[in-house]
Amino acid sequence: MDQRSSKPDLDSAFNALSDSSRREMIRLLLQRPRRAGELAQNICMSPQALSRHLRVLRKAGLVAEESIENDARVRIYRVHARAFQPVQQWLLQVEELWRAQLLAFKSYAENAQRDRKSKT
């Protein structure tokens, strides 16, 4: 099987995922690999439009294209195995920022409450 895709990076991933049709394609491909025609049918999109969206997803490294050995015309699309690592790593950084902010706020609120109690 021939696999064609690019290495995923954060900017390309977010750019590709900024379109709701492409997010729907990813949702469908997470369920199972599919042929382009099946994707087009499931999201009510012309083959030409689907092809453009798949190209963006492939360039971003989010989707891999495979051809079947017996028939080079048939293309199967699947979510790339490591496609979302850059996004996941970025989200973990953001989550850590929010966790630190929430812990600081919690500490502040608890100290303020103790101060109020000690004054009464």
PDB file of N, CA and C in Angstrom:
ATOM      1  N   MET A   1       0.832  -1.190   0.000  1.00  0.00           N
ATOM      2  CA  MET A   1       0.000   0.000   0.000  1.00  0.00           C
ATOM      3  C   MET A   1       0.871   1.245   0.000  1.00  0.00           C
ATOM      4  N   ASP A   2       0.453   2.217  -0.750  1.00  0.00           N
ATOM      5  CA  ASP A   2       1.177   3.472  -0.868  1.00  0.00           C
ATOM      6  C   ASP A   2       0.562   4.483   0.091  1.00  0.00           C
ATOM      7  N   GLN A   3       1.388   5.052   0.970  1.00  0.00           N
ATOM      8  CA  GLN A   3       0.876   6.068   1.884  1.00  0.00           C
ATOM      9  C   GLN A   3       1.446   7.412   1.490  1.00  0.00           C
ATOM     10  N   ARG A   4       0.568   8.401   1.326  1.00  0.00           N
ATOM     11  CA  ARG A   4       1.000   9.752   0.983  1.00  0.00           C
ATOM     12  C   ARG A   4       0.447  10.728   1.997  1.00  0.00           C
ATOM     13  N   SER A   5       1.335  11.390   2.709  1.00  0.00           N
ATOM     14  CA  SER A   5       0.924  12.426   3.647  1.00  0.00           C
ATOM     15  C   SER A   5       2.138  13.251   4.016  1.00  0.00           C
ATOM     16  N   SER A   6       1.901  14.391   4.630  1.00  0.00           N
ATOM     17  CA  SER A   6       2.968  15.248   5.107  1.00  0.00           C
ATOM     18  C   SER A   6       3.075  15.086   6.606  1.00  0.00           C
ATOM     19  N   LYS A   7       4.197  15.555   7.149  1.00  0.00           N
ATOM     20  CA  LYS A   7       4.378  15.540   8.590  1.00  0.00           C
ATOM     21  C   LYS A   7       3.477  16.602   9.212  1.00  0.00           C
ATOM     22  N   PRO A   8       2.696  16.239  10.233  1.00  0.00           N
ATOM     23  CA  PRO A   8       1.789  17.214  10.831  1.00  0.00           C
ATOM     24  C   PRO A   8       2.535  18.272  11.643  1.00  0.00           C
ATOM     25  N   ASP A   9       2.067  19.510  11.596  1.00  0.00           N
ATOM     26  CA  ASP A   9       2.557  20.565  12.468  1.00  0.00           C
ATOM     27  C   ASP A   9       1.350  21.360  12.949  1.00  0.00           C
ATOM     28  N   LEU A  10       1.546  22.097  14.018  1.00  0.00           N
ATOM     29  CA  LEU A  10       0.428  22.765  14.691  1.00  0.00           C
ATOM     30  C   LEU A  10      -0.307  23.762  13.798  1.00  0.00           C
ATOM     31  N   ASP A  11       0.424  24.646  13.121  1.00  0.00           N
ATOM     32  CA  ASP A  11      -0.233  25.652  12.286  1.00  0.00           C
ATOM     33  C   ASP A  11      -1.021  25.014  11.152  1.00  0.00           C
ATOM     34  N   SER A  12      -0.431  24.038  10.501  1.00  0.00           N
ATOM     35  CA  SER A  12      -1.129  23.349   9.404  1.00  0.00           C
ATOM     36  C   SER A  12      -2.361  22.610   9.913  1.00  0.00           C
ATOM     37  N   ALA A  13      -2.216  21.986  11.083  1.00  0.00           N
ATOM     38  CA  ALA A  13      -3.346  21.247  11.653  1.00  0.00           C
ATOM     39  C   ALA A  13      -4.507  22.190  11.965  1.00  0.00           C
ATOM     40  N   PHE A  14      -4.217  23.308  12.630  1.00  0.00           N
ATOM     41  CA  PHE A  14      -5.288  24.253  12.954  1.00  0.00           C
ATOM     42  C   PHE A  14      -5.892  24.865  11.704  1.00  0.00           C
ATOM     43  N   ASN A  15      -5.070  25.159  10.730  1.00  0.00           N
ATOM     44  CA  ASN A  15      -5.581  25.689   9.468  1.00  0.00           C
ATOM     45  C   ASN A  15      -6.529  24.683   8.817  1.00  0.00           C
ATOM     46  N   ALA A  16      -6.115  23.437   8.755  1.00  0.00           N
ATOM     47  CA  ALA A  16      -6.951  22.403   8.137  1.00  0.00           C
ATOM     48  C   ALA A  16      -8.241  22.184   8.928  1.00  0.00           C
ATOM     49  N   LEU A  17      -8.153  22.247  10.237  1.00  0.00           N
ATOM     50  CA  LEU A  17      -9.322  21.987  11.085  1.00  0.00           C
ATOM     51  C   LEU A  17     -10.230  23.201  11.248  1.00  0.00           C
ATOM     52  N   SER A  18      -9.850  24.323  10.670  1.00  0.00           N
ATOM     53  CA  SER A  18     -10.668  25.533  10.801  1.00  0.00           C
ATOM     54  C   SER A  18     -11.957  25.453   9.990  1.00  0.00           C
ATOM     55  N   ASP A  19     -12.040  24.512   9.085  1.00  0.00           N
ATOM     56  CA  ASP A  19     -13.226  24.361   8.233  1.00  0.00           C
ATOM     57  C   ASP A  19     -14.115  23.239   8.774  1.00  0.00           C
ATOM     58  N   SER A  20     -15.390  23.525   8.930  1.00  0.00           N
ATOM     59  CA  SER A  20     -16.316  22.540   9.503  1.00  0.00           C
ATOM     60  C   SER A  20     -16.469  21.295   8.636  1.00  0.00           C
ATOM     61  N   SER A  21     -16.383  21.439   7.320  1.00  0.00           N
ATOM     62  CA  SER A  21     -16.480  20.267   6.444  1.00  0.00           C
ATOM     63  C   SER A  21     -15.293  19.335   6.663  1.00  0.00           C
ATOM     64  N   ARG A  22     -14.108  19.914   6.839  1.00  0.00           N
ATOM     65  CA  ARG A  22     -12.934  19.077   7.070  1.00  0.00           C
ATOM     66  C   ARG A  22     -13.004  18.424   8.449  1.00  0.00           C
ATOM     67  N   ARG A  23     -13.548  19.133   9.434  1.00  0.00           N
ATOM     68  CA  ARG A  23     -13.716  18.503  10.750  1.00  0.00           C
ATOM     69  C   ARG A  23     -14.704  17.344  10.661  1.00  0.00           C
ATOM     70  N   GLU A  24     -15.735  17.504   9.843  1.00  0.00           N
ATOM     71  CA  GLU A  24     -16.700  16.410   9.656  1.00  0.00           C
ATOM     72  C   GLU A  24     -16.025  15.226   8.968  1.00  0.00           C
ATOM     73  N   MET A  25     -15.158  15.497   8.005  1.00  0.00           N
ATOM     74  CA  MET A  25     -14.415  14.413   7.348  1.00  0.00           C
ATOM     75  C   MET A  25     -13.566  13.657   8.367  1.00  0.00           C
ATOM     76  N   ILE A  26     -12.885  14.403   9.226  1.00  0.00           N
ATOM     77  CA  ILE A  26     -12.058  13.774  10.268  1.00  0.00           C
ATOM     78  C   ILE A  26     -12.932  12.926  11.178  1.00  0.00           C
ATOM     79  N   ARG A  27     -14.084  13.464  11.567  1.00  0.00           N
ATOM     80  CA  ARG A  27     -14.998  12.700  12.432  1.00  0.00           C
ATOM     81  C   ARG A  27     -15.374  11.373  11.790  1.00  0.00           C
ATOM     82  N   LEU A  28     -15.695  11.415  10.509  1.00  0.00           N
ATOM     83  CA  LEU A  28     -16.062  10.186   9.797  1.00  0.00           C
ATOM     84  C   LEU A  28     -14.876   9.233   9.681  1.00  0.00           C
ATOM     85  N   LEU A  29     -13.703   9.782   9.406  1.00  0.00           N
ATOM     86  CA  LEU A  29     -12.521   8.932   9.242  1.00  0.00           C
ATOM     87  C   LEU A  29     -12.030   8.358  10.566  1.00  0.00           C
ATOM     88  N   LEU A  30     -12.369   9.006  11.661  1.00  0.00           N
ATOM     89  CA  LEU A  30     -12.029   8.434  12.965  1.00  0.00           C
ATOM     90  C   LEU A  30     -12.832   7.166  13.231  1.00  0.00           C
ATOM     91  N   GLN A  31     -14.018   7.085  12.637  1.00  0.00           N
ATOM     92  CA  GLN A  31     -14.843   5.889  12.796  1.00  0.00           C
ATOM     93  C   GLN A  31     -14.225   4.704  12.059  1.00  0.00           C
ATOM     94  N   ARG A  32     -13.741   4.989  10.825  1.00  0.00           N
ATOM     95  CA  ARG A  32     -13.095   3.954  10.001  1.00  0.00           C
ATOM     96  C   ARG A  32     -12.578   4.587   8.722  1.00  0.00           C
ATOM     97  N   PRO A  33     -11.591   3.959   8.093  1.00  0.00           N
ATOM     98  CA  PRO A  33     -11.106   4.465   6.793  1.00  0.00           C
ATOM     99  C   PRO A  33     -12.235   4.425   5.762  1.00  0.00           C
ATOM    100  N   ARG A  34     -12.199   5.366   4.830  1.00  0.00           N
ATOM    101  CA  ARG A  34     -13.267   5.448   3.826  1.00  0.00           C
ATOM    102  C   ARG A  34     -12.704   5.851   2.473  1.00  0.00           C
ATOM    103  N   ARG A  35     -13.468   5.519   1.436  1.00  0.00           N
ATOM    104  CA  ARG A  35     -13.157   5.976   0.091  1.00  0.00           C
ATOM    105  C   ARG A  35     -13.694   7.393  -0.078  1.00  0.00           C
ATOM    106  N   ALA A  36     -13.114   8.136  -1.022  1.00  0.00           N
ATOM    107  CA  ALA A  36     -13.515   9.521  -1.252  1.00  0.00           C
ATOM    108  C   ALA A  36     -15.005   9.619  -1.576  1.00  0.00           C
ATOM    109  N   GLY A  37     -15.506   8.728  -2.399  1.00  0.00           N
ATOM    110  CA  GLY A  37     -16.920   8.752  -2.769  1.00  0.00           C
ATOM    111  C   GLY A  37     -17.834   8.596  -1.574  1.00  0.00           C
ATOM    112  N   GLU A  38     -17.435   7.738  -0.641  1.00  0.00           N
ATOM    113  CA  GLU A  38     -18.237   7.535   0.562  1.00  0.00           C
ATOM    114  C   GLU A  38     -18.225   8.793   1.437  1.00  0.00           C
ATOM    115  N   LEU A  39     -17.070   9.433   1.533  1.00  0.00           N
ATOM    116  CA  LEU A  39     -17.001  10.692   2.282  1.00  0.00           C
ATOM    117  C   LEU A  39     -17.899  11.748   1.648  1.00  0.00           C
ATOM    118  N   ALA A  40     -17.796  11.887   0.339  1.00  0.00           N
ATOM    119  CA  ALA A  40     -18.595  12.886  -0.378  1.00  0.00           C
ATOM    120  C   ALA A  40     -20.085  12.647  -0.160  1.00  0.00           C
ATOM    121  N   GLN A  41     -20.477  11.400  -0.206  1.00  0.00           N
ATOM    122  CA  GLN A  41     -21.887  11.056  -0.037  1.00  0.00           C
ATOM    123  C   GLN A  41     -22.355  11.365   1.390  1.00  0.00           C
ATOM    124  N   ASN A  42     -21.519  11.053   2.378  1.00  0.00           N
ATOM    125  CA  ASN A  42     -21.899  11.270   3.777  1.00  0.00           C
ATOM    126  C   ASN A  42     -21.996  12.736   4.157  1.00  0.00           C
ATOM    127  N   ILE A  43     -21.239  13.595   3.499  1.00  0.00           N
ATOM    128  CA  ILE A  43     -21.295  15.012   3.863  1.00  0.00           C
ATOM    129  C   ILE A  43     -21.908  15.868   2.752  1.00  0.00           C
ATOM    130  N   CYS A  44     -22.528  15.205   1.783  1.00  0.00           N
ATOM    131  CA  CYS A  44     -23.237  15.902   0.700  1.00  0.00           C
ATOM    132  C   CYS A  44     -22.348  16.963   0.043  1.00  0.00           C
ATOM    133  N   MET A  45     -21.255  16.502  -0.528  1.00  0.00           N
ATOM    134  CA  MET A  45     -20.298  17.402  -1.146  1.00  0.00           C
ATOM    135  C   MET A  45     -19.922  16.854  -2.516  1.00  0.00           C
ATOM    136  N   SER A  46     -19.694  17.753  -3.449  1.00  0.00           N
ATOM    137  CA  SER A  46     -19.286  17.319  -4.785  1.00  0.00           C
ATOM    138  C   SER A  46     -17.895  16.693  -4.716  1.00  0.00           C
ATOM    139  N   PRO A  47     -17.602  15.785  -5.620  1.00  0.00           N
ATOM    140  CA  PRO A  47     -16.256  15.173  -5.633  1.00  0.00           C
ATOM    141  C   PRO A  47     -15.137  16.203  -5.778  1.00  0.00           C
ATOM    142  N   GLN A  48     -15.374  17.257  -6.548  1.00  0.00           N
ATOM    143  CA  GLN A  48     -14.350  18.288  -6.733  1.00  0.00           C
ATOM    144  C   GLN A  48     -14.068  19.029  -5.422  1.00  0.00           C
ATOM    145  N   ALA A  49     -15.124  19.407  -4.727  1.00  0.00           N
ATOM    146  CA  ALA A  49     -14.950  20.106  -3.449  1.00  0.00           C
ATOM    147  C   ALA A  49     -14.292  19.186  -2.426  1.00  0.00           C
ATOM    148  N   LEU A  50     -14.722  17.946  -2.404  1.00  0.00           N
ATOM    149  CA  LEU A  50     -14.135  16.971  -1.486  1.00  0.00           C
ATOM    150  C   LEU A  50     -12.644  16.816  -1.762  1.00  0.00           C
ATOM    151  N   SER A  51     -12.283  16.751  -3.007  1.00  0.00           N
ATOM    152  CA  SER A  51     -10.882  16.606  -3.389  1.00  0.00           C
ATOM    153  C   SER A  51     -10.039  17.764  -2.862  1.00  0.00           C
ATOM    154  N   ARG A  52     -10.563  18.968  -2.958  1.00  0.00           N
ATOM    155  CA  ARG A  52      -9.842  20.142  -2.445  1.00  0.00           C
ATOM    156  C   ARG A  52      -9.653  20.053  -0.928  1.00  0.00           C
ATOM    157  N   HIS A  53     -10.710  19.651  -0.222  1.00  0.00           N
ATOM    158  CA  HIS A  53     -10.627  19.520   1.231  1.00  0.00           C
ATOM    159  C   HIS A  53      -9.662  18.403   1.628  1.00  0.00           C
ATOM    160  N   LEU A  54      -9.710  17.291   0.919  1.00  0.00           N
ATOM    161  CA  LEU A  54      -8.788  16.189   1.223  1.00  0.00           C
ATOM    162  C   LEU A  54      -7.343  16.599   0.992  1.00  0.00           C
ATOM    163  N   ARG A  55      -7.117  17.406  -0.021  1.00  0.00           N
ATOM    164  CA  ARG A  55      -5.760  17.884  -0.299  1.00  0.00           C
ATOM    165  C   ARG A  55      -5.235  18.700   0.886  1.00  0.00           C
ATOM    166  N   VAL A  56      -6.074  19.555   1.446  1.00  0.00           N
ATOM    167  CA  VAL A  56      -5.677  20.365   2.609  1.00  0.00           C
ATOM    168  C   VAL A  56      -5.361  19.449   3.792  1.00  0.00           C
ATOM    169  N   LEU A  57      -6.211  18.466   4.029  1.00  0.00           N
ATOM    170  CA  LEU A  57      -6.001  17.541   5.142  1.00  0.00           C
ATOM    171  C   LEU A  57      -4.728  16.714   4.949  1.00  0.00           C
ATOM    172  N   ARG A  58      -4.469  16.292   3.711  1.00  0.00           N
ATOM    173  CA  ARG A  58      -3.246  15.533   3.426  1.00  0.00           C
ATOM    174  C   ARG A  58      -2.007  16.389   3.615  1.00  0.00           C
ATOM    175  N   LYS A  59      -2.044  17.617   3.096  1.00  0.00           N
ATOM    176  CA  LYS A  59      -0.889  18.517   3.237  1.00  0.00           C
ATOM    177  C   LYS A  59      -0.591  18.811   4.700  1.00  0.00           C
ATOM    178  N   ALA A  60      -1.629  18.881   5.519  1.00  0.00           N
ATOM    179  CA  ALA A  60      -1.453  19.130   6.950  1.00  0.00           C
ATOM    180  C   ALA A  60      -0.977  17.880   7.684  1.00  0.00           C
ATOM    181  N   GLY A  61      -0.989  16.755   6.999  1.00  0.00           N
ATOM    182  CA  GLY A  61      -0.558  15.510   7.621  1.00  0.00           C
ATOM    183  C   GLY A  61      -1.624  14.833   8.447  1.00  0.00           C
ATOM    184  N   LEU A  62      -2.850  15.341   8.401  1.00  0.00           N
ATOM    185  CA  LEU A  62      -3.927  14.782   9.217  1.00  0.00           C
ATOM    186  C   LEU A  62      -4.543  13.534   8.611  1.00  0.00           C
ATOM    187  N   VAL A  63      -4.459  13.429   7.294  1.00  0.00           N
ATOM    188  CA  VAL A  63      -5.069  12.307   6.590  1.00  0.00           C
ATOM    189  C   VAL A  63      -4.029  11.659   5.693  1.00  0.00           C
ATOM    190  N   ALA A  64      -4.036  10.342   5.685  1.00  0.00           N
ATOM    191  CA  ALA A  64      -3.165   9.582   4.792  1.00  0.00           C
ATOM    192  C   ALA A  64      -4.022   8.966   3.699  1.00  0.00           C
ATOM    193  N   GLU A  65      -3.461   8.919   2.516  1.00  0.00           N
ATOM    194  CA  GLU A  65      -4.143   8.340   1.360  1.00  0.00           C
ATOM    195  C   GLU A  65      -3.422   7.037   1.010  1.00  0.00           C
ATOM    196  N   GLU A  66      -4.194   6.000   0.820  1.00  0.00           N
ATOM    197  CA  GLU A  66      -3.631   4.706   0.450  1.00  0.00           C
ATOM    198  C   GLU A  66      -4.308   4.221  -0.811  1.00  0.00           C
ATOM    199  N   SER A  67      -3.521   3.587  -1.655  1.00  0.00           N
ATOM    200  CA  SER A  67      -4.123   2.965  -2.835  1.00  0.00           C
ATOM    201  C   SER A  67      -4.111   1.458  -2.633  1.00  0.00           C
ATOM    202  N   ILE A  68      -5.089   0.819  -3.205  1.00  0.00           N
ATOM    203  CA  ILE A  68      -5.200  -0.636  -3.111  1.00  0.00           C
ATOM    204  C   ILE A  68      -4.297  -1.244  -4.180  1.00  0.00           C
ATOM    205  N   GLU A  69      -3.582  -2.281  -3.820  1.00  0.00           N
ATOM    206  CA  GLU A  69      -2.623  -2.902  -4.736  1.00  0.00           C
ATOM    207  C   GLU A  69      -3.253  -3.315  -6.063  1.00  0.00           C
ATOM    208  N   ASN A  70      -4.455  -3.847  -6.030  1.00  0.00           N
ATOM    209  CA  ASN A  70      -5.104  -4.359  -7.243  1.00  0.00           C
ATOM    210  C   ASN A  70      -5.656  -3.252  -8.136  1.00  0.00           C
ATOM    211  N   ASP A  71      -5.952  -2.088  -7.552  1.00  0.00           N
ATOM    212  CA  ASP A  71      -6.608  -1.033  -8.317  1.00  0.00           C
ATOM    213  C   ASP A  71      -6.078   0.332  -7.881  1.00  0.00           C
ATOM    214  N   ALA A  72      -5.177   0.879  -8.658  1.00  0.00           N
ATOM    215  CA  ALA A  72      -4.555   2.161  -8.309  1.00  0.00           C
ATOM    216  C   ALA A  72      -5.545   3.318  -8.332  1.00  0.00           C
ATOM    217  N   ARG A  73      -6.700   3.134  -8.950  1.00  0.00           N
ATOM    218  CA  ARG A  73      -7.699   4.207  -9.012  1.00  0.00           C
ATOM    219  C   ARG A  73      -8.427   4.385  -7.687  1.00  0.00           C
ATOM    220  N   VAL A  74      -8.505   3.339  -6.885  1.00  0.00           N
ATOM    221  CA  VAL A  74      -9.231   3.387  -5.621  1.00  0.00           C
ATOM    222  C   VAL A  74      -8.311   3.939  -4.539  1.00  0.00           C
ATOM    223  N   ARG A  75      -8.772   4.964  -3.882  1.00  0.00           N
ATOM    224  CA  ARG A  75      -8.022   5.600  -2.796  1.00  0.00           C
ATOM    225  C   ARG A  75      -8.817   5.448  -1.502  1.00  0.00           C
ATOM    226  N   ILE A  76      -8.125   5.016  -0.477  1.00  0.00           N
ATOM    227  CA  ILE A  76      -8.721   4.887   0.850  1.00  0.00           C
ATOM    228  C   ILE A  76      -8.073   5.951   1.726  1.00  0.00           C
ATOM    229  N   TYR A  77      -8.895   6.691   2.460  1.00  0.00           N
ATOM    230  CA  TYR A  77      -8.402   7.749   3.328  1.00  0.00           C
ATOM    231  C   TYR A  77      -8.590   7.342   4.774  1.00  0.00           C
ATOM    232  N   ARG A  78      -7.589   7.664   5.579  1.00  0.00           N
ATOM    233  CA  ARG A  78      -7.653   7.365   7.010  1.00  0.00           C
ATOM    234  C   ARG A  78      -6.962   8.478   7.771  1.00  0.00           C
ATOM    235  N   VAL A  79      -7.325   8.636   9.029  1.00  0.00           N
ATOM    236  CA  VAL A  79      -6.655   9.616   9.877  1.00  0.00           C
ATOM    237  C   VAL A  79      -5.237   9.110  10.094  1.00  0.00           C
ATOM    238  N   HIS A  80      -4.281   9.988   9.934  1.00  0.00           N
ATOM    239  CA  HIS A  80      -2.882   9.638  10.130  1.00  0.00           C
ATOM    240  C   HIS A  80      -2.654   9.281  11.594  1.00  0.00           C
ATOM    241  N   ALA A  81      -1.898   8.237  11.841  1.00  0.00           N
ATOM    242  CA  ALA A  81      -1.725   7.694  13.189  1.00  0.00           C
ATOM    243  C   ALA A  81      -1.269   8.739  14.217  1.00  0.00           C
ATOM    244  N   ARG A  82      -0.344   9.600  13.838  1.00  0.00           N
ATOM    245  CA  ARG A  82       0.177  10.594  14.782  1.00  0.00           C
ATOM    246  C   ARG A  82      -0.311  12.003  14.450  1.00  0.00           C
ATOM    247  N   ALA A  83      -1.403  12.090  13.762  1.00  0.00           N
ATOM    248  CA  ALA A  83      -1.860  13.365  13.212  1.00  0.00           C
ATOM    249  C   ALA A  83      -2.085  14.459  14.241  1.00  0.00           C
ATOM    250  N   PHE A  84      -2.568  14.097  15.381  1.00  0.00           N
ATOM    251  CA  PHE A  84      -2.988  15.116  16.330  1.00  0.00           C
ATOM    252  C   PHE A  84      -1.992  15.343  17.460  1.00  0.00           C
ATOM    253  N   GLN A  85      -0.801  14.772  17.362  1.00  0.00           N
ATOM    254  CA  GLN A  85       0.203  14.990  18.412  1.00  0.00           C
ATOM    255  C   GLN A  85       0.544  16.456  18.624  1.00  0.00           C
ATOM    256  N   PRO A  86       0.826  17.234  17.570  1.00  0.00           N
ATOM    257  CA  PRO A  86       1.128  18.654  17.815  1.00  0.00           C
ATOM    258  C   PRO A  86      -0.035  19.399  18.474  1.00  0.00           C
ATOM    259  N   VAL A  87      -1.253  19.087  18.074  1.00  0.00           N
ATOM    260  CA  VAL A  87      -2.428  19.736  18.664  1.00  0.00           C
ATOM    261  C   VAL A  87      -2.566  19.315  20.120  1.00  0.00           C
ATOM    262  N   GLN A  88      -2.389  18.030  20.376  1.00  0.00           N
ATOM    263  CA  GLN A  88      -2.503  17.523  21.736  1.00  0.00           C
ATOM    264  C   GLN A  88      -1.432  18.135  22.643  1.00  0.00           C
ATOM    265  N   GLN A  89      -0.209  18.243  22.159  1.00  0.00           N
ATOM    266  CA  GLN A  89       0.860  18.850  22.954  1.00  0.00           C
ATOM    267  C   GLN A  89       0.548  20.314  23.257  1.00  0.00           C
ATOM    268  N   TRP A  90       0.045  21.030  22.279  1.00  0.00           N
ATOM    269  CA  TRP A  90      -0.308  22.428  22.484  1.00  0.00           C
ATOM    270  C   TRP A  90      -1.434  22.555  23.507  1.00  0.00           C
ATOM    271  N   LEU A  91      -2.444  21.699  23.380  1.00  0.00           N
ATOM    272  CA  LEU A  91      -3.568  21.736  24.321  1.00  0.00           C
ATOM    273  C   LEU A  91      -3.121  21.406  25.741  1.00  0.00           C
ATOM    274  N   LEU A  92      -2.148  20.509  25.879  1.00  0.00           N
ATOM    275  CA  LEU A  92      -1.612  20.203  27.209  1.00  0.00           C
ATOM    276  C   LEU A  92      -0.929  21.429  27.815  1.00  0.00           C
ATOM    277  N   GLN A  93      -0.225  22.197  26.988  1.00  0.00           N
ATOM    278  CA  GLN A  93       0.403  23.435  27.471  1.00  0.00           C
ATOM    279  C   GLN A  93      -0.658  24.440  27.917  1.00  0.00           C
ATOM    280  N   VAL A  94      -1.708  24.570  27.126  1.00  0.00           N
ATOM    281  CA  VAL A  94      -2.791  25.491  27.479  1.00  0.00           C
ATOM    282  C   VAL A  94      -3.479  25.021  28.755  1.00  0.00           C
ATOM    283  N   GLU A  95      -3.713  23.721  28.850  1.00  0.00           N
ATOM    284  CA  GLU A  95      -4.347  23.168  30.048  1.00  0.00           C
ATOM    285  C   GLU A  95      -3.492  23.436  31.285  1.00  0.00           C
ATOM    286  N   GLU A  96      -2.176  23.294  31.157  1.00  0.00           N
ATOM    287  CA  GLU A  96      -1.283  23.555  32.282  1.00  0.00           C
ATOM    288  C   GLU A  96      -1.350  25.024  32.702  1.00  0.00           C
ATOM    289  N   LEU A  97      -1.422  25.909  31.731  1.00  0.00           N
ATOM    290  CA  LEU A  97      -1.565  27.341  32.035  1.00  0.00           C
ATOM    291  C   LEU A  97      -2.840  27.583  32.842  1.00  0.00           C
ATOM    292  N   TRP A  98      -3.970  27.016  32.367  1.00  0.00           N
ATOM    293  CA  TRP A  98      -5.240  27.212  33.068  1.00  0.00           C
ATOM    294  C   TRP A  98      -5.211  26.565  34.448  1.00  0.00           C
ATOM    295  N   ARG A  99      -4.576  25.416  34.557  1.00  0.00           N
ATOM    296  CA  ARG A  99      -4.489  24.737  35.856  1.00  0.00           C
ATOM    297  C   ARG A  99      -3.727  25.630  36.837  1.00  0.00           C
ATOM    298  N   ALA A 100      -2.621  26.204  36.391  1.00  0.00           N
ATOM    299  CA  ALA A 100      -1.841  27.098  37.251  1.00  0.00           C
ATOM    300  C   ALA A 100      -2.656  28.330  37.634  1.00  0.00           C
ATOM    301  N   GLN A 101      -3.380  28.896  36.665  1.00  0.00           N
ATOM    302  CA  GLN A 101      -4.209  30.070  36.956  1.00  0.00           C
ATOM    303  C   GLN A 101      -5.318  29.737  37.957  1.00  0.00           C
ATOM    304  N   LEU A 102      -5.958  28.590  37.783  1.00  0.00           N
ATOM    305  CA  LEU A 102      -7.034  28.193  38.688  1.00  0.00           C
ATOM    306  C   LEU A 102      -6.505  27.899  40.090  1.00  0.00           C
ATOM    307  N   LEU A 103      -5.324  27.285  40.184  1.00  0.00           N
ATOM    308  CA  LEU A 103      -4.735  27.025  41.496  1.00  0.00           C
ATOM    309  C   LEU A 103      -4.380  28.339  42.196  1.00  0.00           C
ATOM    310  N   ALA A 104      -3.863  29.287  41.433  1.00  0.00           N
ATOM    311  CA  ALA A 104      -3.537  30.593  42.013  1.00  0.00           C
ATOM    312  C   ALA A 104      -4.810  31.299  42.495  1.00  0.00           C
ATOM    313  N   PHE A 105      -5.866  31.222  41.694  1.00  0.00           N
ATOM    314  CA  PHE A 105      -7.137  31.840  42.094  1.00  0.00           C
ATOM    315  C   PHE A 105      -7.705  31.152  43.338  1.00  0.00           C
ATOM    316  N   LYS A 106      -7.637  29.832  43.372  1.00  0.00           N
ATOM    317  CA  LYS A 106      -8.129  29.078  44.532  1.00  0.00           C
ATOM    318  C   LYS A 106      -7.366  29.498  45.789  1.00  0.00           C
ATOM    319  N   SER A 107      -6.055  29.596  45.667  1.00  0.00           N
ATOM    320  CA  SER A 107      -5.233  30.014  46.801  1.00  0.00           C
ATOM    321  C   SER A 107      -5.607  31.418  47.255  1.00  0.00           C
ATOM    322  N   TYR A 108      -5.778  32.309  46.310  1.00  0.00           N
ATOM    323  CA  TYR A 108      -6.179  33.681  46.623  1.00  0.00           C
ATOM    324  C   TYR A 108      -7.530  33.700  47.343  1.00  0.00           C
ATOM    325  N   ALA A 109      -8.503  32.957  46.824  1.00  0.00           N
ATOM    326  CA  ALA A 109      -9.847  32.935  47.419  1.00  0.00           C
ATOM    327  C   ALA A 109      -9.812  32.341  48.819  1.00  0.00           C
ATOM    328  N   GLU A 110      -9.039  31.278  49.025  1.00  0.00           N
ATOM    329  CA  GLU A 110      -8.940  30.668  50.348  1.00  0.00           C
ATOM    330  C   GLU A 110      -8.274  31.613  51.337  1.00  0.00           C
ATOM    331  N   ASN A 111      -7.214  32.304  50.883  1.00  0.00           N
ATOM    332  CA  ASN A 111      -6.544  33.281  51.761  1.00  0.00           C
ATOM    333  C   ASN A 111      -7.464  34.438  52.090  1.00  0.00           C
ATOM    334  N   ALA A 112      -8.210  34.922  51.120  1.00  0.00           N
ATOM    335  CA  ALA A 112      -9.150  36.017  51.359  1.00  0.00           C
ATOM    336  C   ALA A 112     -10.223  35.591  52.347  1.00  0.00           C
ATOM    337  N   GLN A 113     -10.693  34.364  52.240  1.00  0.00           N
ATOM    338  CA  GLN A 113     -11.720  33.856  53.147  1.00  0.00           C
ATOM    339  C   GLN A 113     -11.159  33.738  54.564  1.00  0.00           C
ATOM    340  N   ARG A 114      -9.920  33.236  54.701  1.00  0.00           N
ATOM    341  CA  ARG A 114      -9.281  33.138  56.014  1.00  0.00           C
ATOM    342  C   ARG A 114      -9.099  34.530  56.632  1.00  0.00           C
ATOM    343  N   ASP A 115      -8.683  35.491  55.791  1.00  0.00           N
ATOM    344  CA  ASP A 115      -8.498  36.857  56.284  1.00  0.00           C
ATOM    345  C   ASP A 115      -9.810  37.434  56.793  1.00  0.00           C
ATOM    346  N   ARG A 116     -10.908  37.204  56.064  1.00  0.00           N
ATOM    347  CA  ARG A 116     -12.215  37.706  56.493  1.00  0.00           C
ATOM    348  C   ARG A 116     -12.635  37.068  57.820  1.00  0.00           C
ATOM    349  N   LYS A 117     -12.401  35.765  57.946  1.00  0.00           N
ATOM    350  CA  LYS A 117     -12.776  35.064  59.183  1.00  0.00           C
ATOM    351  C   LYS A 117     -11.950  35.548  60.365  1.00  0.00           C
ATOM    352  N   SER A 118     -10.678  35.804  60.106  1.00  0.00           N
ATOM    353  CA  SER A 118      -9.803  36.235  61.226  1.00  0.00           C
ATOM    354  C   SER A 118     -10.128  37.652  61.682  1.00  0.00           C
ATOM    355  N   LYS A 119     -10.713  38.468  60.815  1.00  0.00           N
ATOM    356  CA  LYS A 119     -11.072  39.839  61.165  1.00  0.00           C
ATOM    357  C   LYS A 119     -12.382  39.913  61.946  1.00  0.00           C
ATOM    358  N   THR A 120     -13.182  38.846  61.883  1.00  0.00           N
ATOM    359  CA  THR A 120     -14.475  38.874  62.578  1.00  0.00           C
ATOM    360  C   THR A 120     -14.420  38.266  63.942  1.00  0.00           C
TER     361      THR A 120
END
